[in-house]
Amino acid sequence: MSSHSASGAIDHHHDATTSTGIPNKKLFMWTFLASDCMFFGALISMHVVYRIHPPAGSPDPRSVFSIELTSFSTFILLMSSLLMALAVNAIQKGNVRSTRNNLLGTIFFGLIFLACQVYEFQHFVHDRGLTLSSSLFGSTFYTLTGTHGCHVAIGVLWLILMYIRSFKPADAEQSSQPWFIMSIVHLLVFAVAVILGVYVVVDFAHQMHVPTFSVGSFLSGHLLSLIGLAASIGGLMFLGRSRGQVDFGERNAIDVESMGLYWHFVDIVWIIIFPVVYLLEYI
């Protein structure tokens, strides 16, 4: 539980200290998302125009895309939005533990989506011959979906930083272990776990299509990576243990909510991209 003890109920939707009555952080996020709407609108429109009027020699999207994989990653991203909403609701009630759990779930689902996208891009490049410069279809497709993937990656990084922030001790200045150093260690362990996890999952998915594939050969060939992944996960569990009172609670709800607005926006953009890009020929 947070070390902050609120003297009264906190209004999470109104701020009497601002001229608009809207918290400045929330207003800034809405402004940024409005500009991002125009940015993605331009990218989506550009791709659709060339899909409806394809130049000569453009590949058939139905022979390129894997609707099953993309449907799975879309479902995962939608579920991450649910967990993000639960995280916002939990922090507004001052439930730090539930907030952390839901943030971790959102991070996990976000990483699954990114792993699916990395696998998809590798498959398109090596097996389908679709590159950024092979056709106008490839250029607009990778620009649009790659930009969205960058937004998801930024969101995952933000989620990780918010999760680490939730462990800041209430007495950080008097603590024998400097908070800044501990947070850097926490971030580095997270980075190792993310990189190794995505690498192992993506490579496993590729190896499954090799005729001579076997689980035993895969495990022996990735032994060091798996040991490193297990060690980093163990490190995250150790760093994520309860450490007493923290300087994080209901008063930080606006920070989590702002992050939630960004994450929901990224999900909504993908809900538009999925049918427009992947299902256009089936509509």
C-alpha atoms as a PDB file:
ATOM      1  CA  MET A   1       0.000   0.000   0.000  1.00  0.00           C
ATOM      2  CA  SER A   2       1.151   3.541  -0.619  1.00  0.00           C
ATOM      3  CA  SER A   3       2.737   5.688   2.060  1.00  0.00           C
ATOM      4  CA  HIS A   4       0.471   8.540   0.988  1.00  0.00           C
ATOM      5  CA  SER A   5      -2.478   8.865   3.302  1.00  0.00           C
ATOM      6  CA  ALA A   6      -5.117  10.916   1.583  1.00  0.00           C
ATOM      7  CA  SER A   7      -7.031  13.203   3.873  1.00  0.00           C
ATOM      8  CA  GLY A   8     -10.050  13.108   1.568  1.00  0.00           C
ATOM      9  CA  ALA A   9     -11.333  11.645  -1.639  1.00  0.00           C
ATOM     10  CA  ILE A  10      -9.235  12.484  -4.695  1.00  0.00           C
ATOM     11  CA  ASP A  11     -11.083  13.656  -7.819  1.00  0.00           C
ATOM     12  CA  HIS A  12      -9.303  11.881 -10.661  1.00  0.00           C
ATOM     13  CA  HIS A  13     -11.248  13.649 -13.422  1.00  0.00           C
ATOM     14  CA  HIS A  14     -11.186  17.307 -12.325  1.00  0.00           C
ATOM     15  CA  ASP A  15      -8.401  19.641 -11.249  1.00  0.00           C
ATOM     16  CA  ALA A  16      -9.537  22.920  -9.728  1.00  0.00           C
ATOM     17  CA  THR A  17      -6.005  24.356  -9.941  1.00  0.00           C
ATOM     18  CA  THR A  18      -6.053  24.519 -13.781  1.00  0.00           C
ATOM     19  CA  SER A  19      -7.974  27.000 -15.931  1.00  0.00           C
ATOM     20  CA  THR A  20      -9.631  24.174 -17.892  1.00  0.00           C
ATOM     21  CA  GLY A  21     -10.507  22.005 -14.902  1.00  0.00           C
ATOM     22  CA  ILE A  22      -8.614  19.171 -16.612  1.00  0.00           C
ATOM     23  CA  PRO A  23      -5.326  17.883 -15.138  1.00  0.00           C
ATOM     24  CA  ASN A  24      -2.449  19.281 -17.203  1.00  0.00           C
ATOM     25  CA  LYS A  25      -0.898  15.848 -17.778  1.00  0.00           C
ATOM     26  CA  LYS A  26      -4.158  14.492 -19.164  1.00  0.00           C
ATOM     27  CA  LEU A  27      -4.679  17.558 -21.368  1.00  0.00           C
ATOM     28  CA  PHE A  28      -1.155  17.235 -22.736  1.00  0.00           C
ATOM     29  CA  MET A  29      -1.714  13.557 -23.534  1.00  0.00           C
ATOM     30  CA  TRP A  30      -5.014  14.279 -25.313  1.00  0.00           C
ATOM     31  CA  THR A  31      -3.280  16.985 -27.371  1.00  0.00           C
ATOM     32  CA  PHE A  32      -0.470  14.633 -28.328  1.00  0.00           C
ATOM     33  CA  LEU A  33      -2.913  11.865 -29.264  1.00  0.00           C
ATOM     34  CA  ALA A  34      -4.901  14.296 -31.418  1.00  0.00           C
ATOM     35  CA  SER A  35      -1.758  15.071 -33.426  1.00  0.00           C
ATOM     36  CA  ASP A  36      -0.955  11.351 -33.623  1.00  0.00           C
ATOM     37  CA  CYS A  37      -4.450  10.729 -35.034  1.00  0.00           C
ATOM     38  CA  MET A  38      -3.616  12.959 -38.002  1.00  0.00           C
ATOM     39  CA  PHE A  39      -0.242  11.263 -38.418  1.00  0.00           C
ATOM     40  CA  PHE A  40      -1.695   7.752 -38.525  1.00  0.00           C
ATOM     41  CA  GLY A  41      -4.603   8.984 -40.639  1.00  0.00           C
ATOM     42  CA  ALA A  42      -2.111  10.093 -43.301  1.00  0.00           C
ATOM     43  CA  LEU A  43      -0.237   6.770 -43.204  1.00  0.00           C
ATOM     44  CA  ILE A  44      -3.424   4.681 -43.384  1.00  0.00           C
ATOM     45  CA  SER A  45      -4.846   6.813 -46.219  1.00  0.00           C
ATOM     46  CA  MET A  46      -1.635   6.517 -48.210  1.00  0.00           C
ATOM     47  CA  HIS A  47      -1.623   2.731 -47.878  1.00  0.00           C
ATOM     48  CA  VAL A  48      -5.326   2.410 -48.783  1.00  0.00           C
ATOM     49  CA  VAL A  49      -4.954   4.579 -51.906  1.00  0.00           C
ATOM     50  CA  TYR A  50      -2.206   2.348 -53.277  1.00  0.00           C
ATOM     51  CA  ARG A  51      -4.115  -0.799 -52.278  1.00  0.00           C
ATOM     52  CA  ILE A  52      -7.217   0.310 -54.175  1.00  0.00           C
ATOM     53  CA  HIS A  53      -5.150   1.469 -57.166  1.00  0.00           C
ATOM     54  CA  PRO A  54      -2.091  -0.835 -57.084  1.00  0.00           C
ATOM     55  CA  PRO A  55       0.771  -0.188 -59.522  1.00  0.00           C
ATOM     56  CA  ALA A  56       1.700  -2.907 -61.989  1.00  0.00           C
ATOM     57  CA  GLY A  57       3.605  -5.776 -60.419  1.00  0.00           C
ATOM     58  CA  SER A  58       2.232  -5.302 -56.902  1.00  0.00           C
ATOM     59  CA  PRO A  59       1.982  -8.568 -54.896  1.00  0.00           C
ATOM     60  CA  ASP A  60      -1.388 -10.056 -53.977  1.00  0.00           C
ATOM     61  CA  PRO A  61      -1.906  -9.329 -50.253  1.00  0.00           C
ATOM     62  CA  ARG A  62      -3.863 -12.576 -49.829  1.00  0.00           C
ATOM     63  CA  SER A  63      -0.731 -14.525 -50.753  1.00  0.00           C
ATOM     64  CA  VAL A  64       1.405 -12.553 -48.319  1.00  0.00           C
ATOM     65  CA  PHE A  65      -0.529 -12.129 -45.081  1.00  0.00           C
ATOM     66  CA  SER A  66      -1.174 -14.744 -42.404  1.00  0.00           C
ATOM     67  CA  ILE A  67      -4.617 -13.810 -41.113  1.00  0.00           C
ATOM     68  CA  GLU A  68      -4.446 -16.395 -38.305  1.00  0.00           C
ATOM     69  CA  LEU A  69      -1.261 -14.941 -36.793  1.00  0.00           C
ATOM     70  CA  THR A  70      -2.445 -11.363 -37.087  1.00  0.00           C
ATOM     71  CA  SER A  71      -5.834 -12.246 -35.582  1.00  0.00           C
ATOM     72  CA  PHE A  72      -4.029 -13.787 -32.604  1.00  0.00           C
ATOM     73  CA  SER A  73      -1.806 -10.732 -32.082  1.00  0.00           C
ATOM     74  CA  THR A  74      -4.871  -8.461 -32.395  1.00  0.00           C
ATOM     75  CA  PHE A  75      -6.656 -10.417 -29.669  1.00  0.00           C
ATOM     76  CA  ILE A  76      -3.559 -10.185 -27.452  1.00  0.00           C
ATOM     77  CA  LEU A  77      -3.384  -6.418 -27.894  1.00  0.00           C
ATOM     78  CA  LEU A  78      -7.089  -6.051 -27.057  1.00  0.00           C
ATOM     79  CA  MET A  79      -6.610  -8.067 -23.870  1.00  0.00           C
ATOM     80  CA  SER A  80      -3.712  -5.817 -22.918  1.00  0.00           C
ATOM     81  CA  SER A  81      -6.138  -2.875 -23.023  1.00  0.00           C
ATOM     82  CA  LEU A  82      -8.341  -4.660 -20.494  1.00  0.00           C
ATOM     83  CA  LEU A  83      -5.398  -5.122 -18.130  1.00  0.00           C
ATOM     84  CA  MET A  84      -4.396  -1.490 -18.614  1.00  0.00           C
ATOM     85  CA  ALA A  85      -7.900  -0.381 -17.640  1.00  0.00           C
ATOM     86  CA  LEU A  86      -7.713  -2.611 -14.555  1.00  0.00           C
ATOM     87  CA  ALA A  87      -4.362  -1.053 -13.632  1.00  0.00           C
ATOM     88  CA  VAL A  88      -5.864   2.452 -13.817  1.00  0.00           C
ATOM     89  CA  ASN A  89      -8.848   1.373 -11.736  1.00  0.00           C
ATOM     90  CA  ALA A  90      -6.571  -0.257  -9.148  1.00  0.00           C
ATOM     91  CA  ILE A  91      -4.305   2.777  -8.674  1.00  0.00           C
ATOM     92  CA  GLN A  92      -7.335   5.072  -8.352  1.00  0.00           C
ATOM     93  CA  LYS A  93      -8.303   2.929  -5.371  1.00  0.00           C
ATOM     94  CA  GLY A  94      -4.757   2.996  -3.991  1.00  0.00           C
ATOM     95  CA  ASN A  95      -4.179  -0.721  -4.632  1.00  0.00           C
ATOM     96  CA  VAL A  96      -0.501  -0.702  -5.610  1.00  0.00           C
ATOM     97  CA  ARG A  97      -0.088  -4.486  -5.715  1.00  0.00           C
ATOM     98  CA  SER A  98      -2.969  -4.949  -8.159  1.00  0.00           C
ATOM     99  CA  THR A  99      -1.631  -2.062 -10.246  1.00  0.00           C
ATOM    100  CA  ARG A 100       1.761  -3.753 -10.514  1.00  0.00           C
ATOM    101  CA  ASN A 101       0.244  -7.103 -11.492  1.00  0.00           C
ATOM    102  CA  ASN A 102      -1.878  -5.537 -14.217  1.00  0.00           C
ATOM    103  CA  LEU A 103       1.045  -3.475 -15.494  1.00  0.00           C
ATOM    104  CA  LEU A 104       3.120  -6.656 -15.738  1.00  0.00           C
ATOM    105  CA  GLY A 105       0.291  -8.370 -17.626  1.00  0.00           C
ATOM    106  CA  THR A 106       0.053  -5.433 -20.045  1.00  0.00           C
ATOM    107  CA  ILE A 107       3.823  -5.526 -20.571  1.00  0.00           C
ATOM    108  CA  PHE A 108       3.701  -9.280 -21.220  1.00  0.00           C
ATOM    109  CA  PHE A 109       0.891  -8.993 -23.777  1.00  0.00           C
ATOM    110  CA  GLY A 110       2.607  -6.035 -25.438  1.00  0.00           C
ATOM    111  CA  LEU A 111       5.787  -8.082 -25.826  1.00  0.00           C
ATOM    112  CA  ILE A 112       3.828 -10.980 -27.330  1.00  0.00           C
ATOM    113  CA  PHE A 113       2.389  -8.584 -29.905  1.00  0.00           C
ATOM    114  CA  LEU A 114       5.866  -7.263 -30.736  1.00  0.00           C
ATOM    115  CA  ALA A 115       7.261 -10.811 -31.013  1.00  0.00           C
ATOM    116  CA  CYS A 116       4.451 -11.687 -33.449  1.00  0.00           C
ATOM    117  CA  GLN A 117       5.264  -8.594 -35.504  1.00  0.00           C
ATOM    118  CA  VAL A 118       8.992  -9.391 -35.591  1.00  0.00           C
ATOM    119  CA  TYR A 119       8.213 -12.957 -36.699  1.00  0.00           C
ATOM    120  CA  GLU A 120       5.763 -11.664 -39.313  1.00  0.00           C
ATOM    121  CA  PHE A 121       8.241  -9.172 -40.767  1.00  0.00           C
ATOM    122  CA  GLN A 122      10.998 -11.801 -40.964  1.00  0.00           C
ATOM    123  CA  HIS A 123       8.584 -14.208 -42.672  1.00  0.00           C
ATOM    124  CA  PHE A 124       7.529 -11.583 -45.211  1.00  0.00           C
ATOM    125  CA  VAL A 125      11.117 -10.613 -46.029  1.00  0.00           C
ATOM    126  CA  HIS A 126      12.713 -14.070 -46.251  1.00  0.00           C
ATOM    127  CA  ASP A 127       9.815 -16.232 -47.429  1.00  0.00           C
ATOM    128  CA  ARG A 128       7.590 -13.801 -49.348  1.00  0.00           C
ATOM    129  CA  GLY A 129      10.260 -11.445 -50.670  1.00  0.00           C
ATOM    130  CA  LEU A 130       8.344  -8.414 -49.428  1.00  0.00           C
ATOM    131  CA  THR A 131      10.800  -5.681 -48.453  1.00  0.00           C
ATOM    132  CA  LEU A 132      10.637  -1.962 -47.893  1.00  0.00           C
ATOM    133  CA  SER A 133      11.943  -1.324 -51.422  1.00  0.00           C
ATOM    134  CA  SER A 134      10.480  -4.280 -53.339  1.00  0.00           C
ATOM    135  CA  SER A 135       7.190  -2.518 -54.125  1.00  0.00           C
ATOM    136  CA  LEU A 136       5.006   0.419 -53.199  1.00  0.00           C
ATOM    137  CA  PHE A 137       2.825  -2.029 -51.299  1.00  0.00           C
ATOM    138  CA  GLY A 138       5.798  -3.089 -49.174  1.00  0.00           C
ATOM    139  CA  SER A 139       6.899   0.498 -48.567  1.00  0.00           C
ATOM    140  CA  THR A 140       3.505   1.693 -47.338  1.00  0.00           C
ATOM    141  CA  PHE A 141       2.851  -1.524 -45.375  1.00  0.00           C
ATOM    142  CA  TYR A 142       6.135  -1.481 -43.443  1.00  0.00           C
ATOM    143  CA  THR A 143       5.937   2.279 -42.858  1.00  0.00           C
ATOM    144  CA  LEU A 144       2.439   2.010 -41.381  1.00  0.00           C
ATOM    145  CA  THR A 145       2.766  -1.172 -39.333  1.00  0.00           C
ATOM    146  CA  GLY A 146       6.368  -0.430 -38.380  1.00  0.00           C
ATOM    147  CA  THR A 147       5.377   2.994 -37.036  1.00  0.00           C
ATOM    148  CA  HIS A 148       2.613   1.377 -35.018  1.00  0.00           C
ATOM    149  CA  GLY A 149       5.073  -1.227 -33.732  1.00  0.00           C
ATOM    150  CA  CYS A 150       7.387   1.588 -32.591  1.00  0.00           C
ATOM    151  CA  HIS A 151       4.467   3.103 -30.678  1.00  0.00           C
ATOM    152  CA  VAL A 152       3.836  -0.250 -28.986  1.00  0.00           C
ATOM    153  CA  ALA A 153       7.539  -0.580 -28.101  1.00  0.00           C
ATOM    154  CA  ILE A 154       7.550   2.942 -26.609  1.00  0.00           C
ATOM    155  CA  GLY A 155       4.422   2.033 -24.656  1.00  0.00           C
ATOM    156  CA  VAL A 156       6.046  -1.134 -23.294  1.00  0.00           C
ATOM    157  CA  LEU A 157       9.103   0.872 -22.201  1.00  0.00           C
ATOM    158  CA  TRP A 158       6.827   3.406 -20.492  1.00  0.00           C
ATOM    159  CA  LEU A 159       4.959   0.599 -18.724  1.00  0.00           C
ATOM    160  CA  ILE A 160       8.228  -0.907 -17.497  1.00  0.00           C
ATOM    161  CA  LEU A 161       9.415   2.447 -16.170  1.00  0.00           C
ATOM    162  CA  MET A 162       6.083   3.004 -14.410  1.00  0.00           C
ATOM    163  CA  TYR A 163       6.284  -0.483 -12.880  1.00  0.00           C
ATOM    164  CA  ILE A 164       9.804   0.208 -11.590  1.00  0.00           C
ATOM    165  CA  ARG A 165       8.678   3.629 -10.318  1.00  0.00           C
ATOM    166  CA  SER A 166       6.064   1.918  -8.142  1.00  0.00           C
ATOM    167  CA  PHE A 167       8.884   0.491  -5.972  1.00  0.00           C
ATOM    168  CA  LYS A 168      10.355   3.850  -4.983  1.00  0.00           C
ATOM    169  CA  PRO A 169      10.673   3.738  -1.176  1.00  0.00           C
ATOM    170  CA  ALA A 170       8.845   6.320   0.884  1.00  0.00           C
ATOM    171  CA  ASP A 171      12.163   7.062   2.602  1.00  0.00           C
ATOM    172  CA  ALA A 172      14.254   6.988  -0.590  1.00  0.00           C
ATOM    173  CA  GLU A 173      16.526   9.812   0.564  1.00  0.00           C
ATOM    174  CA  GLN A 174      17.397   8.042   3.819  1.00  0.00           C
ATOM    175  CA  SER A 175      17.610   4.540   2.309  1.00  0.00           C
ATOM    176  CA  SER A 176      20.945   2.712   2.558  1.00  0.00           C
ATOM    177  CA  GLN A 177      20.483   1.529  -1.046  1.00  0.00           C
ATOM    178  CA  PRO A 178      20.274   4.531  -3.434  1.00  0.00           C
ATOM    179  CA  TRP A 179      16.943   4.371  -5.275  1.00  0.00           C
ATOM    180  CA  PHE A 180      18.441   5.564  -8.567  1.00  0.00           C
ATOM    181  CA  ILE A 181      20.984   2.735  -8.682  1.00  0.00           C
ATOM    182  CA  MET A 182      18.364   0.124  -7.780  1.00  0.00           C
ATOM    183  CA  SER A 183      16.037   1.396 -10.504  1.00  0.00           C
ATOM    184  CA  ILE A 184      18.825   1.215 -13.111  1.00  0.00           C
ATOM    185  CA  VAL A 185      19.575  -2.384 -12.082  1.00  0.00           C
ATOM    186  CA  HIS A 186      15.867  -3.210 -12.279  1.00  0.00           C
ATOM    187  CA  LEU A 187      15.668  -1.703 -15.778  1.00  0.00           C
ATOM    188  CA  LEU A 188      18.763  -3.587 -16.990  1.00  0.00           C
ATOM    189  CA  VAL A 189      17.388  -6.918 -15.727  1.00  0.00           C
ATOM    190  CA  PHE A 190      14.099  -6.132 -17.465  1.00  0.00           C
ATOM    191  CA  ALA A 191      15.971  -5.359 -20.702  1.00  0.00           C
ATOM    192  CA  VAL A 192      17.843  -8.676 -20.592  1.00  0.00           C
ATOM    193  CA  ALA A 193      14.614 -10.605 -19.950  1.00  0.00           C
ATOM    194  CA  VAL A 194      12.791  -8.826 -22.792  1.00  0.00           C
ATOM    195  CA  ILE A 195      15.559  -9.244 -25.375  1.00  0.00           C
ATOM    196  CA  LEU A 196      16.218 -12.903 -24.563  1.00  0.00           C
ATOM    197  CA  GLY A 197      12.503 -13.696 -24.308  1.00  0.00           C
ATOM    198  CA  VAL A 198      11.637 -12.215 -27.695  1.00  0.00           C
ATOM    199  CA  TYR A 199      14.698 -13.822 -29.298  1.00  0.00           C
ATOM    200  CA  VAL A 200      13.902 -17.305 -27.968  1.00  0.00           C
ATOM    201  CA  VAL A 201      10.195 -17.137 -28.850  1.00  0.00           C
ATOM    202  CA  VAL A 202      10.739 -15.807 -32.382  1.00  0.00           C
ATOM    203  CA  ASP A 203      13.522 -18.287 -33.143  1.00  0.00           C
ATOM    204  CA  PHE A 204      11.412 -21.149 -31.756  1.00  0.00           C
ATOM    205  CA  ALA A 205       8.570 -20.156 -34.091  1.00  0.00           C
ATOM    206  CA  HIS A 206      10.945 -20.154 -37.060  1.00  0.00           C
ATOM    207  CA  GLN A 207      12.563 -23.480 -36.136  1.00  0.00           C
ATOM    208  CA  MET A 208       9.176 -25.190 -35.959  1.00  0.00           C
ATOM    209  CA  HIS A 209       8.913 -24.910 -39.754  1.00  0.00           C
ATOM    210  CA  VAL A 210      12.228 -26.731 -40.283  1.00  0.00           C
ATOM    211  CA  PRO A 211      11.626 -30.419 -41.231  1.00  0.00           C
ATOM    212  CA  THR A 212      14.406 -31.628 -38.918  1.00  0.00           C
ATOM    213  CA  PHE A 213      13.177 -29.610 -35.935  1.00  0.00           C
ATOM    214  CA  SER A 214      13.145 -31.212 -32.501  1.00  0.00           C
ATOM    215  CA  VAL A 215      12.626 -29.703 -29.070  1.00  0.00           C
ATOM    216  CA  GLY A 216      15.787 -31.342 -27.759  1.00  0.00           C
ATOM    217  CA  SER A 217      17.996 -29.804 -30.459  1.00  0.00           C
ATOM    218  CA  PHE A 218      16.383 -26.427 -29.912  1.00  0.00           C
ATOM    219  CA  LEU A 219      16.984 -26.541 -26.158  1.00  0.00           C
ATOM    220  CA  SER A 220      20.602 -27.613 -26.586  1.00  0.00           C
ATOM    221  CA  GLY A 221      21.217 -24.914 -29.204  1.00  0.00           C
ATOM    222  CA  HIS A 222      19.742 -22.164 -27.042  1.00  0.00           C
ATOM    223  CA  LEU A 223      20.932 -23.362 -23.633  1.00  0.00           C
ATOM    224  CA  LEU A 224      22.796 -20.174 -22.731  1.00  0.00           C
ATOM    225  CA  SER A 225      19.889 -17.985 -23.852  1.00  0.00           C
ATOM    226  CA  LEU A 226      17.424 -20.025 -21.801  1.00  0.00           C
ATOM    227  CA  ILE A 227      19.667 -19.930 -18.725  1.00  0.00           C
ATOM    228  CA  GLY A 228      20.026 -16.172 -19.115  1.00  0.00           C
ATOM    229  CA  LEU A 229      16.263 -15.802 -19.530  1.00  0.00           C
ATOM    230  CA  ALA A 230      15.567 -17.896 -16.422  1.00  0.00           C
ATOM    231  CA  ALA A 231      18.148 -15.940 -14.426  1.00  0.00           C
ATOM    232  CA  SER A 232      16.713 -12.583 -15.504  1.00  0.00           C
ATOM    233  CA  ILE A 233      13.163 -13.695 -14.649  1.00  0.00           C
ATOM    234  CA  GLY A 234      14.454 -14.801 -11.242  1.00  0.00           C
ATOM    235  CA  GLY A 235      16.077 -11.400 -10.854  1.00  0.00           C
ATOM    236  CA  LEU A 236      12.793  -9.659 -11.660  1.00  0.00           C
ATOM    237  CA  MET A 237      11.003 -11.775  -9.066  1.00  0.00           C
ATOM    238  CA  PHE A 238      13.657 -10.836  -6.492  1.00  0.00           C
ATOM    239  CA  LEU A 239      13.514  -7.133  -7.341  1.00  0.00           C
ATOM    240  CA  GLY A 240       9.714  -7.222  -7.382  1.00  0.00           C
ATOM    241  CA  ARG A 241       9.344  -8.418  -3.821  1.00  0.00           C
ATOM    242  CA  SER A 242       7.617  -6.206  -1.254  1.00  0.00           C
ATOM    243  CA  ARG A 243       9.965  -3.678   0.369  1.00  0.00           C
ATOM    244  CA  GLY A 244       7.653  -1.899   2.768  1.00  0.00           C
ATOM    245  CA  GLN A 245       6.140   1.553   2.321  1.00  0.00           C
ATOM    246  CA  VAL A 246       6.513   3.128  -1.126  1.00  0.00           C
ATOM    247  CA  ASP A 247       6.174   6.610  -2.540  1.00  0.00           C
ATOM    248  CA  PHE A 248       3.514   5.527  -5.021  1.00  0.00           C
ATOM    249  CA  GLY A 249      -0.241   5.387  -4.664  1.00  0.00           C
ATOM    250  CA  GLU A 250      -3.548   7.030  -5.434  1.00  0.00           C
ATOM    251  CA  ARG A 251      -1.951  10.423  -6.019  1.00  0.00           C
ATOM    252  CA  ASN A 252      -0.016   8.882  -8.930  1.00  0.00           C
ATOM    253  CA  ALA A 253      -3.238   7.810 -10.631  1.00  0.00           C
ATOM    254  CA  ILE A 254      -2.982  10.630 -13.182  1.00  0.00           C
ATOM    255  CA  ASP A 255       0.394   9.265 -14.343  1.00  0.00           C
ATOM    256  CA  VAL A 256      -0.994   5.756 -14.823  1.00  0.00           C
ATOM    257  CA  GLU A 257      -4.135   7.135 -16.463  1.00  0.00           C
ATOM    258  CA  SER A 258      -2.093   9.209 -18.932  1.00  0.00           C
ATOM    259  CA  MET A 259      -0.141   6.097 -19.816  1.00  0.00           C
ATOM    260  CA  GLY A 260      -3.433   4.225 -20.177  1.00  0.00           C
ATOM    261  CA  LEU A 261      -4.729   6.841 -22.631  1.00  0.00           C
ATOM    262  CA  TYR A 262      -1.644   6.324 -24.781  1.00  0.00           C
ATOM    263  CA  TRP A 263      -1.934   2.527 -24.621  1.00  0.00           C
ATOM    264  CA  HIS A 264      -5.657   2.536 -25.498  1.00  0.00           C
ATOM    265  CA  PHE A 265      -4.933   4.851 -28.422  1.00  0.00           C
ATOM    266  CA  VAL A 266      -2.292   2.459 -29.768  1.00  0.00           C
ATOM    267  CA  ASP A 267      -4.807  -0.388 -29.503  1.00  0.00           C
ATOM    268  CA  ILE A 268      -7.548   1.589 -31.254  1.00  0.00           C
ATOM    269  CA  VAL A 269      -5.179   2.431 -34.109  1.00  0.00           C
ATOM    270  CA  TRP A 270      -4.458  -1.283 -34.543  1.00  0.00           C
ATOM    271  CA  ILE A 271      -8.188  -2.063 -34.565  1.00  0.00           C
ATOM    272  CA  ILE A 272      -8.363   0.238 -37.605  1.00  0.00           C
ATOM    273  CA  ILE A 273      -5.176  -1.078 -39.228  1.00  0.00           C
ATOM    274  CA  PHE A 274      -6.156  -4.746 -38.929  1.00  0.00           C
ATOM    275  CA  PRO A 275      -9.265  -4.691 -41.158  1.00  0.00           C
ATOM    276  CA  VAL A 276      -8.008  -1.932 -43.465  1.00  0.00           C
ATOM    277  CA  VAL A 277      -4.612  -3.519 -44.140  1.00  0.00           C
ATOM    278  CA  TYR A 278      -5.098  -7.249 -43.596  1.00  0.00           C
ATOM    279  CA  LEU A 279      -8.764  -7.802 -44.459  1.00  0.00           C
ATOM    280  CA  LEU A 280      -9.354  -5.279 -47.257  1.00  0.00           C
ATOM    281  CA  GLU A 281      -9.560  -7.910 -49.995  1.00  0.00           C
ATOM    282  CA  TYR A 282     -12.014  -9.989 -47.929  1.00  0.00           C
ATOM    283  CA  ILE A 283     -14.463  -7.154 -47.251  1.00  0.00           C
END
